[in-house]
Structure formats: C-alpha cells, structure tokens
N, C-alpha and C. Protein backbone atom coordinates (compact mmCIF):
# COMPACT_ATOMS: atom_id res chain seq x y z
N MET A 1 0.82 -1.19 0.00
CA MET A 1 0.00 0.00 0.00
C MET A 1 0.87 1.26 0.00
N ILE A 2 2.01 1.21 0.65
CA ILE A 2 2.86 2.39 0.70
C ILE A 2 3.31 2.76 -0.71
N GLN A 3 3.76 1.79 -1.50
CA GLN A 3 4.19 2.09 -2.85
C GLN A 3 3.03 2.61 -3.69
N LYS A 4 1.85 2.04 -3.51
CA LYS A 4 0.69 2.48 -4.27
C LYS A 4 0.38 3.95 -3.96
N LEU A 5 0.40 4.32 -2.69
CA LEU A 5 0.17 5.72 -2.33
C LEU A 5 1.23 6.61 -2.96
N SER A 6 2.45 6.17 -2.88
CA SER A 6 3.55 6.98 -3.39
C SER A 6 3.43 7.19 -4.89
N LYS A 7 3.09 6.15 -5.65
CA LYS A 7 3.01 6.26 -7.10
C LYS A 7 1.81 7.08 -7.54
N GLU A 8 0.67 6.91 -6.88
CA GLU A 8 -0.53 7.61 -7.29
C GLU A 8 -0.47 9.09 -6.96
N ARG A 9 0.06 9.46 -5.84
CA ARG A 9 0.07 10.85 -5.40
C ARG A 9 1.40 11.54 -5.65
N GLY A 10 2.40 10.78 -6.05
CA GLY A 10 3.71 11.39 -6.25
C GLY A 10 4.37 11.80 -4.95
N GLU A 11 4.05 11.12 -3.86
CA GLU A 11 4.58 11.46 -2.55
C GLU A 11 5.59 10.42 -2.11
N GLY A 12 6.43 10.81 -1.19
CA GLY A 12 7.36 9.88 -0.60
C GLY A 12 6.82 9.35 0.71
N VAL A 13 7.34 8.24 1.13
CA VAL A 13 6.99 7.67 2.42
C VAL A 13 8.18 7.89 3.34
N TYR A 14 7.90 8.40 4.51
CA TYR A 14 8.94 8.69 5.49
C TYR A 14 8.91 7.62 6.57
N VAL A 15 10.09 7.29 7.09
CA VAL A 15 10.22 6.23 8.09
C VAL A 15 11.05 6.75 9.25
N GLN A 16 10.54 6.55 10.45
CA GLN A 16 11.34 6.78 11.65
C GLN A 16 11.75 5.41 12.16
N ALA A 17 13.04 5.24 12.42
CA ALA A 17 13.53 3.93 12.83
C ALA A 17 14.68 4.08 13.82
N LYS A 18 14.94 3.03 14.56
CA LYS A 18 16.13 2.95 15.40
C LYS A 18 17.15 2.12 14.64
N ALA A 19 18.40 2.56 14.65
CA ALA A 19 19.46 1.85 13.94
C ALA A 19 20.44 1.25 14.94
N TYR A 20 20.87 0.04 14.64
CA TYR A 20 21.82 -0.67 15.49
C TYR A 20 22.97 -1.17 14.63
N MET A 21 24.20 -0.90 15.06
CA MET A 21 25.36 -1.39 14.34
C MET A 21 25.49 -2.90 14.58
N LEU A 22 25.69 -3.65 13.50
CA LEU A 22 25.90 -5.08 13.63
C LEU A 22 27.38 -5.34 13.88
N THR A 23 27.66 -6.15 14.90
CA THR A 23 29.05 -6.40 15.28
C THR A 23 29.42 -7.88 15.25
N LYS A 24 28.43 -8.75 15.16
CA LYS A 24 28.70 -10.20 15.12
C LYS A 24 28.84 -10.64 13.66
N GLU A 25 29.82 -11.49 13.40
CA GLU A 25 30.10 -11.94 12.04
C GLU A 25 28.88 -12.57 11.37
N ASP A 26 28.15 -13.41 12.09
CA ASP A 26 26.98 -14.06 11.50
C ASP A 26 25.90 -13.05 11.13
N ASP A 27 25.69 -12.04 11.97
CA ASP A 27 24.69 -11.01 11.68
C ASP A 27 25.09 -10.19 10.45
N ILE A 28 26.36 -9.87 10.34
CA ILE A 28 26.85 -9.10 9.20
C ILE A 28 26.71 -9.91 7.91
N ALA A 29 27.08 -11.20 7.97
CA ALA A 29 26.95 -12.07 6.79
C ALA A 29 25.49 -12.17 6.36
N HIS A 30 24.60 -12.29 7.31
CA HIS A 30 23.16 -12.37 7.00
C HIS A 30 22.68 -11.08 6.32
N ALA A 31 23.09 -9.94 6.86
CA ALA A 31 22.70 -8.65 6.27
C ALA A 31 23.28 -8.50 4.87
N LEU A 32 24.52 -8.90 4.68
CA LEU A 32 25.14 -8.79 3.35
C LEU A 32 24.45 -9.67 2.32
N SER A 33 23.94 -10.82 2.75
CA SER A 33 23.24 -11.70 1.80
C SER A 33 22.00 -10.99 1.26
N TYR A 34 21.30 -10.22 2.10
CA TYR A 34 20.14 -9.45 1.64
C TYR A 34 20.58 -8.28 0.77
N LEU A 35 21.58 -7.55 1.21
CA LEU A 35 22.05 -6.39 0.48
C LEU A 35 22.55 -6.79 -0.91
N ASP A 36 23.40 -7.80 -0.96
CA ASP A 36 23.94 -8.24 -2.24
C ASP A 36 22.87 -8.85 -3.13
N GLY A 37 21.91 -9.53 -2.55
CA GLY A 37 20.81 -10.10 -3.33
C GLY A 37 19.95 -9.03 -3.96
N ARG A 38 19.81 -7.92 -3.27
CA ARG A 38 19.00 -6.81 -3.76
C ARG A 38 19.61 -6.19 -5.00
N VAL A 39 20.91 -6.12 -5.06
CA VAL A 39 21.58 -5.49 -6.20
C VAL A 39 22.13 -6.52 -7.18
N GLY A 40 21.80 -7.80 -6.99
CA GLY A 40 22.16 -8.83 -7.95
C GLY A 40 23.60 -9.32 -7.88
N LYS A 41 24.27 -9.10 -6.76
CA LYS A 41 25.65 -9.59 -6.63
C LYS A 41 25.61 -11.07 -6.29
N LYS A 42 26.62 -11.79 -6.75
CA LYS A 42 26.69 -13.23 -6.51
C LYS A 42 27.83 -13.59 -5.56
N LYS A 43 28.36 -12.62 -4.83
CA LYS A 43 29.47 -12.88 -3.93
C LYS A 43 29.00 -13.59 -2.66
N ASP A 44 29.90 -14.37 -2.10
CA ASP A 44 29.63 -15.03 -0.83
C ASP A 44 29.80 -14.00 0.28
N PRO A 45 28.71 -13.70 1.04
CA PRO A 45 28.82 -12.68 2.09
C PRO A 45 29.88 -12.99 3.14
N LYS A 46 30.20 -14.26 3.35
CA LYS A 46 31.21 -14.62 4.36
C LYS A 46 32.57 -14.02 4.00
N THR A 47 32.86 -13.90 2.71
CA THR A 47 34.16 -13.36 2.30
C THR A 47 34.23 -11.85 2.48
N ARG A 48 33.08 -11.20 2.61
CA ARG A 48 33.05 -9.74 2.73
C ARG A 48 32.93 -9.25 4.16
N VAL A 49 32.64 -10.12 5.10
CA VAL A 49 32.40 -9.72 6.49
C VAL A 49 33.55 -8.92 7.06
N ALA A 50 34.78 -9.30 6.76
CA ALA A 50 35.96 -8.62 7.31
C ALA A 50 36.01 -7.15 6.90
N GLN A 51 35.35 -6.78 5.80
CA GLN A 51 35.34 -5.39 5.36
C GLN A 51 34.55 -4.49 6.31
N PHE A 52 33.80 -5.08 7.24
CA PHE A 52 32.93 -4.32 8.12
C PHE A 52 33.26 -4.52 9.59
N LEU A 53 34.44 -5.03 9.89
CA LEU A 53 34.86 -5.29 11.27
C LEU A 53 36.21 -4.63 11.57
N GLY A 54 36.54 -4.61 12.85
CA GLY A 54 37.85 -4.15 13.28
C GLY A 54 38.15 -2.71 12.91
N ASP A 55 39.34 -2.48 12.33
CA ASP A 55 39.76 -1.12 12.01
C ASP A 55 39.29 -0.66 10.62
N LYS A 56 38.48 -1.46 9.95
CA LYS A 56 37.94 -1.06 8.64
C LYS A 56 36.93 0.08 8.85
N PRO A 57 36.84 1.01 7.90
CA PRO A 57 36.01 2.21 8.10
C PRO A 57 34.50 2.01 7.88
N ARG A 58 34.08 0.92 7.23
CA ARG A 58 32.66 0.75 6.93
C ARG A 58 31.98 -0.15 7.96
N ARG A 59 30.68 0.08 8.15
CA ARG A 59 29.87 -0.70 9.08
C ARG A 59 28.53 -1.04 8.44
N ILE A 60 27.87 -2.03 9.00
CA ILE A 60 26.53 -2.44 8.56
C ILE A 60 25.58 -2.20 9.73
N TYR A 61 24.40 -1.65 9.42
CA TYR A 61 23.42 -1.34 10.46
C TYR A 61 22.10 -2.04 10.17
N LYS A 62 21.38 -2.31 11.22
CA LYS A 62 20.04 -2.86 11.13
C LYS A 62 19.08 -1.76 11.59
N ALA A 63 18.09 -1.48 10.77
CA ALA A 63 17.08 -0.47 11.11
C ALA A 63 15.79 -1.16 11.53
N ILE A 64 15.25 -0.73 12.66
CA ILE A 64 13.97 -1.24 13.16
C ILE A 64 12.95 -0.11 13.01
N PRO A 65 12.04 -0.21 12.00
CA PRO A 65 11.06 0.85 11.80
C PRO A 65 10.13 1.01 12.99
N GLU A 66 9.83 2.26 13.31
CA GLU A 66 8.91 2.56 14.41
C GLU A 66 7.66 3.28 13.92
N GLN A 67 7.79 4.06 12.86
CA GLN A 67 6.65 4.83 12.37
C GLN A 67 6.83 5.11 10.88
N PHE A 68 5.71 5.06 10.13
CA PHE A 68 5.68 5.41 8.72
C PHE A 68 4.67 6.52 8.53
N TRP A 69 4.97 7.47 7.62
CA TRP A 69 4.00 8.51 7.34
C TRP A 69 4.23 9.09 5.95
N ILE A 70 3.22 9.77 5.45
CA ILE A 70 3.34 10.57 4.24
C ILE A 70 3.01 12.00 4.63
N ASN A 71 3.56 12.94 3.90
CA ASN A 71 3.27 14.35 4.16
C ASN A 71 2.08 14.80 3.33
N GLY A 72 1.37 15.76 3.85
CA GLY A 72 0.25 16.35 3.14
C GLY A 72 0.22 17.84 3.40
N GLU A 73 -0.83 18.46 2.89
CA GLU A 73 -0.97 19.90 3.05
C GLU A 73 -2.12 20.20 3.99
N GLY A 74 -1.97 21.26 4.74
CA GLY A 74 -3.02 21.70 5.64
C GLY A 74 -3.11 23.21 5.64
N ASP A 75 -4.08 23.69 6.38
CA ASP A 75 -4.31 25.14 6.43
C ASP A 75 -4.75 25.50 7.84
N VAL A 76 -4.09 26.48 8.42
CA VAL A 76 -4.48 27.01 9.73
C VAL A 76 -4.62 28.52 9.57
N LYS A 77 -5.85 29.00 9.74
CA LYS A 77 -6.13 30.44 9.62
C LYS A 77 -5.58 31.03 8.32
N GLY A 78 -5.76 30.27 7.24
CA GLY A 78 -5.32 30.75 5.93
C GLY A 78 -3.85 30.58 5.64
N GLU A 79 -3.11 29.97 6.56
CA GLU A 79 -1.67 29.76 6.38
C GLU A 79 -1.40 28.30 6.04
N TYR A 80 -0.57 28.08 5.05
CA TYR A 80 -0.18 26.73 4.63
C TYR A 80 0.68 26.08 5.71
N ILE A 81 0.40 24.82 5.98
CA ILE A 81 1.24 24.03 6.90
C ILE A 81 1.41 22.63 6.33
N ASP A 82 2.50 21.99 6.70
CA ASP A 82 2.69 20.58 6.39
C ASP A 82 2.00 19.76 7.46
N VAL A 83 1.40 18.66 7.05
CA VAL A 83 0.80 17.74 8.01
C VAL A 83 1.29 16.34 7.70
N ARG A 84 1.27 15.50 8.70
CA ARG A 84 1.65 14.10 8.53
C ARG A 84 0.42 13.22 8.63
N PHE A 85 0.42 12.21 7.77
CA PHE A 85 -0.62 11.19 7.83
C PHE A 85 0.08 9.86 8.10
N ASP A 86 -0.18 9.29 9.28
CA ASP A 86 0.42 8.01 9.61
C ASP A 86 -0.05 6.93 8.66
N VAL A 87 0.85 6.02 8.34
CA VAL A 87 0.56 4.89 7.46
C VAL A 87 0.89 3.62 8.23
N ASP A 88 -0.03 2.67 8.23
CA ASP A 88 0.22 1.37 8.84
C ASP A 88 0.53 0.41 7.69
N PRO A 89 1.80 -0.02 7.53
CA PRO A 89 2.17 -0.86 6.40
C PRO A 89 1.52 -2.24 6.44
N ARG A 90 0.91 -2.59 7.57
CA ARG A 90 0.25 -3.90 7.67
C ARG A 90 -1.17 -3.88 7.17
N LYS A 91 -1.71 -2.68 6.89
CA LYS A 91 -3.09 -2.56 6.45
C LYS A 91 -3.13 -2.28 4.95
N PRO A 92 -4.03 -2.96 4.22
CA PRO A 92 -4.12 -2.72 2.76
C PRO A 92 -4.73 -1.37 2.43
C-alpha cells in the first residue's frame, strides 16, 4: 500500500527507525546476503564480512522501523502548513 500511495500521489513515504550497528560476524553475513541479493551480486557474504569489522572504516546497520507517514498539506487560519498522515504498512 505504501508504494501504491507513493506512485498515485507522487509522494514519498517517510520512516522513523532505530538503527543498530551489527558487530557479530553471523549477523553481518546475514545482512550482506540481503544487500547483495537486492543489487544482484553473486558474492559469498562470508568473504566480505571482514570489510565491516575491526579497524575497517565501513559498518553495517540494522534499522527497526517505528513509524511510517506521508506528508500532506493543511491550512491554519489561511496559512499553509505541512501535516503528517500516519501509514500502517500492515493494512491494505
């Protein structure tokens, strides 16, 4: 439903989330398998884990969404304001 709203109205969907740095090798490998699968890479995530540990500069994070919304327009005493409309991604 979020994509449908976005395409029909030309609006973006905003997400508030908490982010956690992944520090365990198994968690990083699991995340990389999703990331690489999304962009069509065929690399073994286990071989890339070291790029995200120790003194290497890059890290992998897990985001836990807390709230979704789209922006809309409102009016208060003739003045334009932005308003938020909460979206529940579990509802059609």
